[in-house]
Amino acid sequence: MDTEGTPGGIVSYEVRIRLCGLPAGGAEEVKAKIEEALAASVPDGLATVEGVEERQPTRGNGWVEERITPLNVLFCTLPQELQRPDILAVLAENYHRELACLWRTARDGRCVRAAIEVRPWCRAGEQWICEFLSYDKGAPFAEEYNFHLQNTSQWSNSQTGWAGHQGAIVLNAHDGHVTAHH
């Protein structure tokens, strides 16, 4: 092991641990328990617990803020000529796949305050566009915008390592082709 350049040739390590579901009495008790466990096997002064941060995700009833346009509403709001069984089948396949991905990201324990959206159609020329996204309202909000002028600052949470799922289902009215874009 190369220890050149470190004081006294000592290598230091920073360890991040996520502990969930402990029956502890708060951050200070968790810190004390970790220090106690380290003291049994690590000599004094070689290991220090610099801090323990406690997070309380808002889970339980309603812990995910959701605005989901139902599939039947999406289908029924299309023009009559696009309300065809072949379009419904492909639309449903894409809708359910993307909704499952949104829920998977929302249930990720690293997401502090989950929100998911499946938006109603918007039109751009011949295209019918249904945007979908998951984001973490617990992530720091900043002035970060993408090409479509959407604020993307909460699409990931750099503090926890969480990343959401965003994109759109697009129906081309010209040929009835349905695609998903991420």
Protein backbone atom coordinates (compact mmCIF):
# COMPACT_ATOMS: atom_id res chain seq x y z
CA MET A 1 0.00 0.00 0.00
CA ASP A 2 1.39 3.39 -0.97
CA THR A 3 1.25 5.75 2.01
CA GLU A 4 3.61 8.39 0.62
CA GLY A 5 2.30 11.91 1.12
CA THR A 6 0.12 11.11 4.12
CA PRO A 7 1.08 12.38 7.60
CA GLY A 8 3.14 9.70 9.32
CA GLY A 9 2.38 7.30 6.47
CA ILE A 10 -1.19 6.80 7.75
CA VAL A 11 -3.97 6.16 5.29
CA SER A 12 -7.43 7.37 6.22
CA TYR A 13 -10.77 6.14 4.97
CA GLU A 14 -14.11 7.88 4.95
CA VAL A 15 -16.95 5.40 5.28
CA ARG A 16 -20.61 6.21 4.58
CA ILE A 17 -23.12 3.84 6.10
CA ARG A 18 -26.90 3.92 5.73
CA LEU A 19 -28.72 2.32 8.66
CA CYS A 20 -32.46 1.89 8.37
CA GLY A 21 -35.04 0.63 10.81
CA LEU A 22 -32.88 0.68 13.92
CA PRO A 23 -34.75 0.84 17.22
CA ALA A 24 -32.49 3.69 18.30
CA GLY A 25 -33.43 6.86 20.15
CA GLY A 26 -32.07 9.31 17.61
CA ALA A 27 -28.83 10.41 15.96
CA GLU A 28 -26.86 10.82 19.20
CA GLU A 29 -27.72 7.31 20.39
CA VAL A 30 -26.76 5.83 17.00
CA LYS A 31 -23.45 7.73 17.15
CA ALA A 32 -22.76 6.44 20.67
CA LYS A 33 -23.54 2.83 19.67
CA ILE A 34 -21.20 3.03 16.65
CA GLU A 35 -18.42 4.52 18.77
CA GLU A 36 -18.95 1.81 21.38
CA ALA A 37 -18.73 -0.92 18.74
CA LEU A 38 -15.56 0.61 17.25
CA ALA A 39 -13.91 0.99 20.67
CA ALA A 40 -14.00 -2.78 21.17
CA SER A 41 -11.79 -3.46 18.13
CA VAL A 42 -10.06 -0.20 17.11
CA PRO A 43 -7.45 1.53 19.34
CA ASP A 44 -8.35 4.98 20.75
CA GLY A 45 -8.07 7.87 18.36
CA LEU A 46 -7.82 5.81 15.18
CA ALA A 47 -11.54 5.89 14.41
CA THR A 48 -13.87 8.80 15.00
CA VAL A 49 -17.51 9.18 14.18
CA GLU A 50 -17.74 12.73 12.90
CA GLY A 51 -21.50 12.85 12.79
CA VAL A 52 -24.76 11.02 12.28
CA GLU A 53 -27.58 12.57 10.28
CA GLU A 54 -31.12 11.43 10.91
CA ARG A 55 -33.64 11.54 8.10
CA GLN A 56 -37.33 10.93 8.45
CA PRO A 57 -38.84 10.19 5.03
CA THR A 58 -42.49 11.06 4.84
CA ARG A 59 -43.84 7.60 4.22
CA GLY A 60 -47.11 5.94 5.06
CA ASN A 61 -50.43 7.12 3.69
CA GLY A 62 -49.84 9.65 0.95
CA TRP A 63 -46.06 9.70 1.18
CA VAL A 64 -45.81 9.96 -2.61
CA GLU A 65 -47.30 13.03 -4.18
CA GLU A 66 -48.91 11.79 -7.37
CA ARG A 67 -50.57 13.40 -10.35
CA ILE A 68 -51.27 10.54 -12.70
CA THR A 69 -53.50 10.91 -15.73
CA PRO A 70 -55.29 7.53 -16.06
CA LEU A 71 -54.76 5.52 -19.23
CA ASN A 72 -58.47 5.64 -20.12
CA VAL A 73 -58.40 9.45 -19.91
CA LEU A 74 -55.36 9.61 -22.18
CA PHE A 75 -57.03 7.32 -24.70
CA CYS A 76 -60.46 8.99 -24.60
CA THR A 77 -59.02 12.50 -25.05
CA LEU A 78 -57.39 11.53 -28.35
CA PRO A 79 -59.25 12.47 -31.54
CA GLN A 80 -61.79 9.83 -32.60
CA GLU A 81 -59.68 8.66 -35.55
CA LEU A 82 -56.80 7.79 -33.15
CA GLN A 83 -59.00 5.83 -30.72
CA ARG A 84 -58.15 2.52 -32.37
CA PRO A 85 -57.47 -0.86 -30.70
CA ASP A 86 -53.94 -1.09 -32.15
CA ILE A 87 -53.03 2.33 -30.72
CA LEU A 88 -54.61 1.47 -27.35
CA ALA A 89 -52.57 -1.75 -27.11
CA VAL A 90 -49.21 -0.04 -27.71
CA LEU A 91 -50.17 2.99 -25.64
CA ALA A 92 -51.15 0.73 -22.71
CA GLU A 93 -47.89 -1.24 -22.95
CA ASN A 94 -45.80 1.95 -22.82
CA TYR A 95 -47.99 3.58 -20.16
CA HIS A 96 -47.77 0.63 -17.75
CA ARG A 97 -44.03 0.15 -18.27
CA GLU A 98 -43.27 3.83 -17.58
CA LEU A 99 -45.65 3.97 -14.61
CA ALA A 100 -43.90 0.93 -13.09
CA CYS A 101 -40.54 2.69 -13.50
CA LEU A 102 -41.92 5.84 -11.86
CA TRP A 103 -43.18 3.87 -8.86
CA ARG A 104 -39.89 1.97 -8.59
CA THR A 105 -37.94 5.23 -8.32
CA ALA A 106 -40.48 6.73 -5.90
CA ARG A 107 -40.19 3.73 -3.56
CA ASP A 108 -36.37 3.86 -3.55
CA GLY A 109 -35.30 4.51 0.05
CA ARG A 110 -32.90 7.24 -1.09
CA CYS A 111 -35.81 9.39 -2.28
CA VAL A 112 -36.75 11.77 0.54
CA ARG A 113 -40.10 13.22 -0.70
CA ALA A 114 -41.21 11.44 -3.85
CA ALA A 115 -43.46 12.92 -6.48
CA ILE A 116 -44.57 11.29 -9.72
CA GLU A 117 -46.50 12.68 -12.65
CA VAL A 118 -48.05 11.34 -15.81
CA ARG A 119 -49.30 14.44 -17.55
CA PRO A 120 -52.21 14.87 -19.97
CA TRP A 121 -51.47 15.10 -23.68
CA CYS A 122 -49.94 18.19 -25.17
CA ARG A 123 -49.60 18.66 -28.91
CA ALA A 124 -46.65 19.58 -31.04
CA GLY A 125 -47.68 19.51 -34.69
CA GLU A 126 -48.53 15.90 -35.60
CA GLN A 127 -47.36 14.56 -32.24
CA TRP A 128 -49.38 13.90 -29.11
CA ILE A 129 -46.99 13.99 -26.14
CA CYS A 130 -47.60 12.58 -22.66
CA GLU A 131 -44.76 13.56 -20.33
CA PHE A 132 -43.94 11.45 -17.27
CA LEU A 133 -41.49 12.12 -14.46
CA SER A 134 -40.48 11.25 -10.92
CA TYR A 135 -38.64 13.73 -8.76
CA ASP A 136 -37.54 14.23 -5.18
CA LYS A 137 -39.08 17.28 -3.52
CA GLY A 138 -36.54 16.73 -0.74
CA ALA A 139 -33.62 17.46 -3.10
CA PRO A 140 -32.25 21.01 -3.13
CA PHE A 141 -34.16 23.20 -5.59
CA ALA A 142 -31.99 25.17 -7.99
CA GLU A 143 -32.25 27.07 -11.25
CA GLU A 144 -31.28 24.12 -13.52
CA TYR A 145 -33.11 23.83 -16.83
CA ASN A 146 -32.96 21.46 -19.78
CA PHE A 147 -33.52 22.12 -23.48
CA HIS A 148 -37.31 22.02 -22.94
CA LEU A 149 -37.05 24.67 -20.17
CA GLN A 150 -38.01 22.14 -17.49
CA ASN A 151 -36.42 22.65 -14.07
CA THR A 152 -34.35 19.49 -13.58
CA SER A 153 -32.82 20.24 -10.17
CA GLN A 154 -34.98 17.69 -8.35
CA TRP A 155 -34.74 14.95 -10.97
CA SER A 156 -31.88 13.55 -8.89
CA ASN A 157 -30.73 14.01 -5.31
CA SER A 158 -26.95 14.39 -5.03
CA GLN A 159 -27.18 14.20 -1.24
CA THR A 160 -28.59 10.65 -1.29
CA GLY A 161 -27.55 9.35 -4.71
CA TRP A 162 -31.16 8.96 -5.90
CA ALA A 163 -32.07 9.43 -9.57
CA GLY A 164 -35.55 9.72 -11.01
CA HIS A 165 -37.19 8.63 -14.27
CA GLN A 166 -38.30 11.16 -16.88
CA GLY A 167 -39.46 11.09 -20.46
CA ALA A 168 -42.49 11.08 -22.72
CA ILE A 169 -44.81 8.76 -24.58
CA VAL A 170 -45.28 10.12 -28.08
CA LEU A 171 -48.07 9.28 -30.50
CA ASN A 172 -47.51 10.29 -34.11
CA ALA A 173 -50.97 11.22 -35.44
CA HIS A 174 -49.80 10.80 -39.03
CA ASP A 175 -49.16 7.04 -38.82
CA GLY A 176 -50.40 6.03 -35.33
CA HIS A 177 -46.89 5.03 -34.21
CA VAL A 178 -46.39 5.15 -30.39
CA THR A 179 -42.91 5.46 -28.87
CA ALA A 180 -41.38 6.19 -25.47
CA HIS A 181 -38.47 8.58 -25.02
CA HIS A 182 -36.21 8.98 -21.97
